[in-house]
Structures are given as structure tokens and as C-alpha cells.
């Protein structure tokens, strides 16, 4: 069973990495940005924040108007975690724990870059609590 969980999450991470790479054409980042992200720190640069907004939108985790898509994120979880109801339940609770980012004031409106940074921050802070790691 552990193999199935790991395989499903690895497939999701691979797909997400592909989306990030496709967004890097429009929102390039440098090595120092990558190092900060590896340490779960969002660089205070619009290009990095917009890179994540692009990837979140392409993945269906963010709506076109720049909000966290609880429905879209849960749909992704259902796709990748269908064989593990316990992990799926935790994934949905994890999404619910971060949905308050939609209530935050952001300066870039529908662009979603500022909110993407909030989603990243919430996700990295709460992942361990729900049994996930990046």
C-alpha cells in the first residue's frame, strides 16, 4: 500500500514539475530562487510568484480570477489518490486548511501572483500537519 501512495504522489509531483517548467518560459527564475524554494521560502519576486500562479492555474488548483480552487484541487487529489481513501481525506482537509487565502487582500487581483505566494506559504506550513511533504 505504501508503494501505491508513493507512486501516486510521485506521479502528481512529476506532472506538476512539468507544468512549472512550461511556465518558466514566461516567468524565468534563477538558481538563488530555486534554492529558496527548496527551503520552502517564496522569493519576494513577482516572476517567481507569477510562475506559481501560472502552474497552479494550469493544474486546475487556481481559478482564472486568481483564487485557490478548492474544487479543482480536490479533483486533482481524487485523480491521484483515488486508491487511498485515508490519504484523499487528508488531502481534502489540507486544501480546506488553506482556503482562507481567498479571503486575503492582494494587490494584483485576478493575476493571482500574490495569492499564489499565499497558497505556497500555507501549503509549506501545513503540509506536515496533514502527512504530506514537498
N, C-alpha and C. Protein backbone atom coordinates (compact mmCIF):
# COMPACT_ATOMS: atom_id res chain seq x y z
N UNK A 1 0.82 -1.20 0.00
CA UNK A 1 0.00 0.00 0.00
C UNK A 1 0.86 1.26 0.00
N UNK A 2 1.96 1.24 0.73
CA UNK A 2 2.85 2.40 0.76
C UNK A 2 3.35 2.69 -0.65
N UNK A 3 3.63 1.63 -1.40
CA UNK A 3 4.11 1.80 -2.77
C UNK A 3 3.08 2.55 -3.62
N UNK A 4 1.81 2.21 -3.48
CA UNK A 4 0.75 2.88 -4.25
C UNK A 4 0.70 4.36 -3.90
N UNK A 5 0.74 4.68 -2.62
CA UNK A 5 0.70 6.08 -2.19
C UNK A 5 1.87 6.84 -2.78
N UNK A 6 3.05 6.28 -2.62
CA UNK A 6 4.26 6.94 -3.09
C UNK A 6 4.21 7.12 -4.60
N UNK A 7 3.78 6.10 -5.30
CA UNK A 7 3.70 6.15 -6.75
C UNK A 7 2.72 7.23 -7.20
N UNK A 8 1.57 7.31 -6.55
CA UNK A 8 0.56 8.31 -6.91
C UNK A 8 1.07 9.72 -6.67
N UNK A 9 1.69 9.94 -5.52
CA UNK A 9 2.23 11.27 -5.22
C UNK A 9 3.39 11.61 -6.13
N UNK A 10 4.22 10.63 -6.46
CA UNK A 10 5.32 10.87 -7.39
C UNK A 10 4.78 11.26 -8.76
N UNK A 11 3.71 10.62 -9.20
CA UNK A 11 3.10 10.96 -10.49
C UNK A 11 2.58 12.40 -10.47
N UNK A 12 1.96 12.79 -9.36
CA UNK A 12 1.47 14.16 -9.24
C UNK A 12 2.64 15.14 -9.26
N UNK A 13 3.69 14.85 -8.49
CA UNK A 13 4.85 15.75 -8.44
C UNK A 13 5.49 15.88 -9.82
N UNK A 14 5.56 14.78 -10.56
CA UNK A 14 6.14 14.81 -11.91
C UNK A 14 5.30 15.69 -12.83
N UNK A 15 3.99 15.52 -12.79
CA UNK A 15 3.09 16.32 -13.63
C UNK A 15 3.20 17.79 -13.26
N UNK A 16 3.23 18.08 -11.97
CA UNK A 16 3.32 19.46 -11.51
C UNK A 16 4.66 20.08 -11.93
N UNK A 17 5.74 19.31 -11.84
CA UNK A 17 7.05 19.80 -12.27
C UNK A 17 7.03 20.16 -13.75
N UNK A 18 6.34 19.36 -14.55
CA UNK A 18 6.22 19.66 -15.98
C UNK A 18 5.47 20.97 -16.20
N UNK A 19 4.43 21.21 -15.42
CA UNK A 19 3.68 22.47 -15.54
C UNK A 19 4.55 23.66 -15.16
N UNK A 20 5.31 23.51 -14.08
CA UNK A 20 6.21 24.59 -13.66
C UNK A 20 7.22 24.89 -14.76
N UNK A 21 7.79 23.84 -15.35
CA UNK A 21 8.77 24.03 -16.42
C UNK A 21 8.15 24.76 -17.61
N UNK A 22 6.92 24.42 -17.96
CA UNK A 22 6.27 25.09 -19.09
C UNK A 22 6.01 26.56 -18.78
N UNK A 23 5.77 26.88 -17.53
CA UNK A 23 5.53 28.27 -17.13
C UNK A 23 6.82 29.08 -17.06
N UNK A 24 7.96 28.40 -16.92
CA UNK A 24 9.24 29.10 -16.81
C UNK A 24 9.60 29.86 -18.08
N UNK A 25 8.99 29.50 -19.20
CA UNK A 25 9.24 30.24 -20.44
C UNK A 25 8.77 31.69 -20.29
N UNK A 26 7.65 31.88 -19.62
CA UNK A 26 7.11 33.23 -19.42
C UNK A 26 7.59 33.87 -18.13
N UNK A 27 7.94 33.06 -17.15
CA UNK A 27 8.35 33.56 -15.83
C UNK A 27 9.65 32.90 -15.40
N UNK A 28 10.77 33.32 -16.00
CA UNK A 28 12.05 32.68 -15.67
C UNK A 28 12.49 32.98 -14.23
N UNK A 29 13.17 32.01 -13.64
CA UNK A 29 13.71 32.19 -12.30
C UNK A 29 15.19 31.79 -12.33
N UNK A 30 15.94 32.22 -11.33
CA UNK A 30 17.37 31.90 -11.31
C UNK A 30 17.69 30.89 -10.20
N UNK A 31 18.95 30.53 -10.13
CA UNK A 31 19.38 29.50 -9.18
C UNK A 31 19.10 29.89 -7.73
N UNK A 32 19.27 31.17 -7.39
CA UNK A 32 19.01 31.58 -6.00
C UNK A 32 17.53 31.43 -5.66
N UNK A 33 16.65 31.66 -6.64
CA UNK A 33 15.22 31.44 -6.42
C UNK A 33 14.95 29.96 -6.15
N UNK A 34 15.59 29.11 -6.94
CA UNK A 34 15.40 27.66 -6.79
C UNK A 34 15.86 27.20 -5.40
N UNK A 35 16.99 27.73 -4.94
CA UNK A 35 17.49 27.35 -3.62
C UNK A 35 16.52 27.78 -2.52
N UNK A 36 15.96 28.98 -2.64
CA UNK A 36 14.99 29.43 -1.63
C UNK A 36 13.75 28.54 -1.65
N UNK A 37 13.27 28.21 -2.84
CA UNK A 37 12.08 27.36 -2.96
C UNK A 37 12.33 25.97 -2.37
N UNK A 38 13.53 25.44 -2.58
CA UNK A 38 13.86 24.13 -1.99
C UNK A 38 13.76 24.17 -0.47
N UNK A 39 14.02 25.34 0.09
CA UNK A 39 13.91 25.53 1.54
C UNK A 39 12.53 26.02 1.95
N UNK A 40 11.57 25.88 1.02
CA UNK A 40 10.17 26.27 1.24
C UNK A 40 10.00 27.74 1.56
N UNK A 41 10.84 28.57 0.96
CA UNK A 41 10.74 30.03 1.09
C UNK A 41 10.39 30.60 -0.28
N UNK A 42 9.35 31.41 -0.33
CA UNK A 42 8.96 32.05 -1.58
C UNK A 42 9.78 33.33 -1.75
N UNK A 43 10.61 33.41 -2.80
CA UNK A 43 11.35 34.65 -3.04
C UNK A 43 10.38 35.82 -3.26
N UNK A 44 10.76 36.98 -2.81
CA UNK A 44 9.90 38.16 -2.95
C UNK A 44 10.12 38.80 -4.32
N UNK A 45 9.83 38.02 -5.35
CA UNK A 45 9.99 38.47 -6.73
C UNK A 45 8.72 38.14 -7.50
N UNK A 46 8.23 39.12 -8.23
CA UNK A 46 6.99 38.90 -8.97
C UNK A 46 7.10 37.72 -9.94
N UNK A 47 8.25 37.56 -10.59
CA UNK A 47 8.39 36.48 -11.57
C UNK A 47 8.19 35.11 -10.93
N UNK A 48 8.69 34.92 -9.71
CA UNK A 48 8.56 33.62 -9.04
C UNK A 48 7.10 33.41 -8.61
N UNK A 49 6.50 34.45 -8.05
CA UNK A 49 5.10 34.34 -7.63
C UNK A 49 4.20 34.05 -8.83
N UNK A 50 4.47 34.74 -9.95
CA UNK A 50 3.66 34.54 -11.15
C UNK A 50 3.91 33.17 -11.78
N UNK A 51 5.12 32.65 -11.63
CA UNK A 51 5.42 31.29 -12.08
C UNK A 51 4.48 30.31 -11.38
N UNK A 52 4.33 30.47 -10.08
CA UNK A 52 3.45 29.58 -9.32
C UNK A 52 1.99 29.79 -9.69
N UNK A 53 1.58 31.03 -9.91
CA UNK A 53 0.20 31.29 -10.33
C UNK A 53 -0.07 30.58 -11.66
N UNK A 54 0.88 30.67 -12.58
CA UNK A 54 0.76 30.01 -13.88
C UNK A 54 0.60 28.50 -13.69
N UNK A 55 1.47 27.90 -12.89
CA UNK A 55 1.42 26.45 -12.67
C UNK A 55 0.14 26.03 -11.95
N UNK A 56 -0.25 26.80 -10.93
CA UNK A 56 -1.49 26.48 -10.21
C UNK A 56 -2.70 26.54 -11.15
N UNK A 57 -2.72 27.57 -12.02
CA UNK A 57 -3.84 27.69 -12.96
C UNK A 57 -3.84 26.53 -13.95
N UNK A 58 -2.68 26.19 -14.50
CA UNK A 58 -2.60 25.08 -15.46
C UNK A 58 -2.99 23.75 -14.81
N UNK A 59 -2.68 23.59 -13.53
CA UNK A 59 -3.01 22.35 -12.82
C UNK A 59 -4.48 22.29 -12.43
N UNK A 60 -5.16 23.44 -12.47
CA UNK A 60 -6.56 23.49 -12.04
C UNK A 60 -6.71 23.81 -10.57
N UNK A 61 -5.60 24.18 -9.92
CA UNK A 61 -5.62 24.49 -8.49
C UNK A 61 -5.95 25.95 -8.22
N UNK A 62 -5.97 26.78 -9.26
CA UNK A 62 -6.29 28.19 -9.13
C UNK A 62 -7.26 28.55 -10.25
N UNK A 63 -8.25 29.36 -9.90
CA UNK A 63 -9.23 29.78 -10.89
C UNK A 63 -8.64 30.87 -11.78
N UNK A 64 -9.30 31.12 -12.90
CA UNK A 64 -8.82 32.16 -13.82
C UNK A 64 -8.81 33.54 -13.18
N UNK A 65 -9.63 33.73 -12.13
CA UNK A 65 -9.65 35.04 -11.47
C UNK A 65 -8.70 35.09 -10.27
N UNK A 66 -7.76 34.14 -10.21
CA UNK A 66 -6.68 34.22 -9.24
C UNK A 66 -7.00 33.77 -7.83
N UNK A 67 -7.93 32.86 -7.67
CA UNK A 67 -8.30 32.33 -6.35
C UNK A 67 -7.93 30.85 -6.27
N UNK A 68 -7.66 30.39 -5.04
CA UNK A 68 -7.45 28.96 -4.84
C UNK A 68 -8.74 28.24 -5.22
N UNK A 69 -8.64 27.26 -6.08
CA UNK A 69 -9.81 26.47 -6.46
C UNK A 69 -9.87 25.23 -5.58
N UNK A 70 -10.71 25.29 -4.56
CA UNK A 70 -10.87 24.15 -3.66
C UNK A 70 -11.39 22.96 -4.46
N UNK A 71 -12.36 23.22 -5.32
CA UNK A 71 -12.94 22.16 -6.14
C UNK A 71 -11.89 21.55 -7.08
N UNK A 72 -11.12 22.40 -7.75
CA UNK A 72 -10.09 21.91 -8.67
C UNK A 72 -8.99 21.14 -7.96
N UNK A 73 -8.59 21.63 -6.79
CA UNK A 73 -7.54 20.97 -6.03
C UNK A 73 -8.03 19.61 -5.52
N UNK A 74 -9.27 19.57 -5.05
CA UNK A 74 -9.83 18.30 -4.59
C UNK A 74 -9.99 17.31 -5.74
N UNK A 75 -10.32 17.82 -6.92
CA UNK A 75 -10.45 16.95 -8.09
C UNK A 75 -9.09 16.32 -8.43
N UNK A 76 -8.03 17.11 -8.33
CA UNK A 76 -6.68 16.57 -8.54
C UNK A 76 -6.38 15.48 -7.51
N UNK A 77 -6.71 15.76 -6.26
CA UNK A 77 -6.48 14.78 -5.20
C UNK A 77 -7.23 13.49 -5.50
N UNK A 78 -8.47 13.62 -5.96
CA UNK A 78 -9.27 12.43 -6.29
C UNK A 78 -8.64 11.64 -7.43
N UNK A 79 -8.05 12.35 -8.39
CA UNK A 79 -7.40 11.69 -9.52
C UNK A 79 -6.19 10.89 -9.07
N UNK A 80 -5.35 11.50 -8.24
CA UNK A 80 -4.09 10.86 -7.85
C UNK A 80 -4.18 9.98 -6.61
N UNK A 81 -5.20 10.19 -5.78
CA UNK A 81 -5.27 9.45 -4.52
C UNK A 81 -6.52 8.58 -4.40
N UNK A 82 -7.15 8.28 -5.52
CA UNK A 82 -8.39 7.50 -5.51
C UNK A 82 -8.24 6.15 -4.82
N UNK A 83 -7.05 5.57 -4.87
CA UNK A 83 -6.83 4.25 -4.28
C UNK A 83 -6.54 4.28 -2.79
N UNK A 84 -6.49 5.47 -2.22
CA UNK A 84 -6.17 5.59 -0.79
C UNK A 84 -7.12 6.60 -0.15
N UNK A 85 -8.25 6.11 0.31
CA UNK A 85 -9.29 7.00 0.84
C UNK A 85 -8.82 7.80 2.05
N UNK A 86 -7.97 7.22 2.87
CA UNK A 86 -7.47 7.94 4.05
C UNK A 86 -6.60 9.13 3.63
N UNK A 87 -5.72 8.90 2.68
CA UNK A 87 -4.86 9.98 2.21
C UNK A 87 -5.69 11.03 1.44
N UNK A 88 -6.68 10.58 0.71
CA UNK A 88 -7.57 11.51 0.00
C UNK A 88 -8.30 12.41 1.00
N UNK A 89 -8.77 11.82 2.07
CA UNK A 89 -9.45 12.58 3.12
C UNK A 89 -8.52 13.64 3.71
N UNK A 90 -7.27 13.26 3.96
CA UNK A 90 -6.28 14.21 4.49
C UNK A 90 -5.98 15.31 3.48
N UNK A 91 -5.91 14.94 2.20
CA UNK A 91 -5.63 15.93 1.16
C UNK A 91 -6.74 16.98 1.09
N UNK A 92 -7.98 16.53 1.21
CA UNK A 92 -9.11 17.48 1.17
C UNK A 92 -9.11 18.37 2.41
N UNK A 93 -8.76 17.81 3.56
CA UNK A 93 -8.66 18.62 4.79
C UNK A 93 -7.53 19.64 4.66
N UNK A 94 -6.44 19.24 4.02
CA UNK A 94 -5.30 20.11 3.77
C UNK A 94 -5.73 21.30 2.90
N UNK A 95 -6.47 21.01 1.85
CA UNK A 95 -6.98 22.08 0.97
C UNK A 95 -7.89 23.01 1.75
N UNK A 96 -8.79 22.45 2.55
CA UNK A 96 -9.68 23.28 3.37
C UNK A 96 -8.90 24.17 4.32
N UNK A 97 -7.79 23.66 4.84
CA UNK A 97 -6.98 24.43 5.79
C UNK A 97 -6.34 25.65 5.14
N UNK A 98 -6.20 25.62 3.82
CA UNK A 98 -5.57 26.75 3.12
C UNK A 98 -6.56 27.62 2.35
N UNK A 99 -7.84 27.26 2.35
CA UNK A 99 -8.79 28.02 1.53
C UNK A 99 -8.97 29.46 2.01
N UNK A 100 -8.56 29.76 3.24
CA UNK A 100 -8.69 31.13 3.75
C UNK A 100 -7.80 32.12 2.98
N UNK A 101 -6.86 31.61 2.17
CA UNK A 101 -6.05 32.53 1.36
C UNK A 101 -6.94 33.34 0.41
N UNK A 102 -8.11 32.80 0.09
CA UNK A 102 -9.04 33.51 -0.80
C UNK A 102 -9.64 34.75 -0.15
N UNK A 103 -9.56 34.83 1.18
CA UNK A 103 -10.10 35.98 1.91
C UNK A 103 -9.08 37.09 2.07
N UNK A 104 -7.82 36.81 1.74
CA UNK A 104 -6.76 37.80 1.92
C UNK A 104 -6.81 38.87 0.83
N UNK A 105 -6.45 40.09 1.23
CA UNK A 105 -6.34 41.19 0.26
C UNK A 105 -5.06 41.00 -0.54
N UNK A 106 -5.16 41.12 -1.86
CA UNK A 106 -3.98 41.06 -2.71
C UNK A 106 -3.96 42.27 -3.63
N UNK A 107 -2.77 42.65 -4.05
CA UNK A 107 -2.63 43.87 -4.84
C UNK A 107 -2.74 43.63 -6.35
N UNK A 108 -2.70 42.37 -6.78
CA UNK A 108 -2.69 42.11 -8.22
C UNK A 108 -3.97 41.47 -8.75
N UNK A 109 -5.01 41.45 -7.95
CA UNK A 109 -6.32 40.99 -8.40
C UNK A 109 -6.32 39.62 -9.06
N UNK A 110 -6.89 39.56 -10.27
CA UNK A 110 -7.07 38.29 -10.97
C UNK A 110 -5.77 37.68 -11.47
N UNK A 111 -4.71 38.45 -11.51
CA UNK A 111 -3.43 37.92 -11.98
C UNK A 111 -3.02 36.70 -11.14
N UNK A 112 -3.25 36.78 -9.84
CA UNK A 112 -3.06 35.63 -8.97
C UNK A 112 -1.67 35.42 -8.41
N UNK A 113 -0.72 36.27 -8.76
CA UNK A 113 0.67 36.05 -8.32
C UNK A 113 0.81 36.18 -6.81
N UNK A 114 0.21 37.22 -6.24
CA UNK A 114 0.28 37.42 -4.79
C UNK A 114 -0.43 36.29 -4.05
N UNK A 115 -1.59 35.88 -4.56
CA UNK A 115 -2.33 34.79 -3.91
C UNK A 115 -1.57 33.47 -4.06
N UNK A 116 -0.89 33.28 -5.19
CA UNK A 116 -0.09 32.06 -5.37
C UNK A 116 0.98 31.97 -4.28
N UNK A 117 1.58 33.12 -3.93
CA UNK A 117 2.58 33.13 -2.86
C UNK A 117 1.94 32.75 -1.53
N UNK A 118 0.71 33.20 -1.30
CA UNK A 118 -0.01 32.84 -0.07
C UNK A 118 -0.34 31.34 -0.04
N UNK A 119 -0.72 30.80 -1.19
CA UNK A 119 -1.01 29.36 -1.28
C UNK A 119 0.26 28.57 -0.99
N UNK A 120 1.37 28.98 -1.59
CA UNK A 120 2.65 28.31 -1.36
C UNK A 120 3.01 28.34 0.12
N UNK A 121 2.87 29.51 0.74
CA UNK A 121 3.21 29.67 2.16
C UNK A 121 2.33 28.76 3.02
N UNK A 122 1.03 28.79 2.80
CA UNK A 122 0.12 27.96 3.58
C UNK A 122 0.43 26.48 3.37
N UNK A 123 0.63 26.10 2.13
CA UNK A 123 0.92 24.69 1.83
C UNK A 123 2.19 24.22 2.51
N UNK A 124 3.24 25.03 2.44
CA UNK A 124 4.51 24.61 3.04
C UNK A 124 4.43 24.58 4.56
N UNK A 125 3.62 25.47 5.15
CA UNK A 125 3.48 25.50 6.61
C UNK A 125 2.62 24.36 7.13
N UNK A 126 1.62 23.93 6.37
CA UNK A 126 0.65 22.95 6.86
C UNK A 126 0.85 21.53 6.34
N UNK A 127 1.76 21.33 5.39
CA UNK A 127 1.92 20.01 4.77
C UNK A 127 2.17 18.90 5.78
N UNK A 128 3.12 19.10 6.68
CA UNK A 128 3.45 18.05 7.65
C UNK A 128 2.28 17.70 8.54
N UNK A 129 1.50 18.72 8.89
CA UNK A 129 0.33 18.52 9.75
C UNK A 129 -0.65 17.51 9.14
N UNK A 130 -0.70 17.46 7.80
CA UNK A 130 -1.63 16.57 7.11
C UNK A 130 -0.94 15.35 6.48
N UNK A 131 0.32 15.16 6.82
CA UNK A 131 1.03 13.97 6.37
C UNK A 131 1.61 14.05 4.97
N UNK A 132 1.88 15.26 4.50
CA UNK A 132 2.48 15.44 3.17
C UNK A 132 3.81 16.15 3.31
N UNK A 133 4.67 15.95 2.33
CA UNK A 133 5.92 16.71 2.29
C UNK A 133 6.24 17.07 0.86
N UNK A 134 7.04 18.11 0.72
CA UNK A 134 7.40 18.59 -0.63
C UNK A 134 8.85 18.30 -0.92
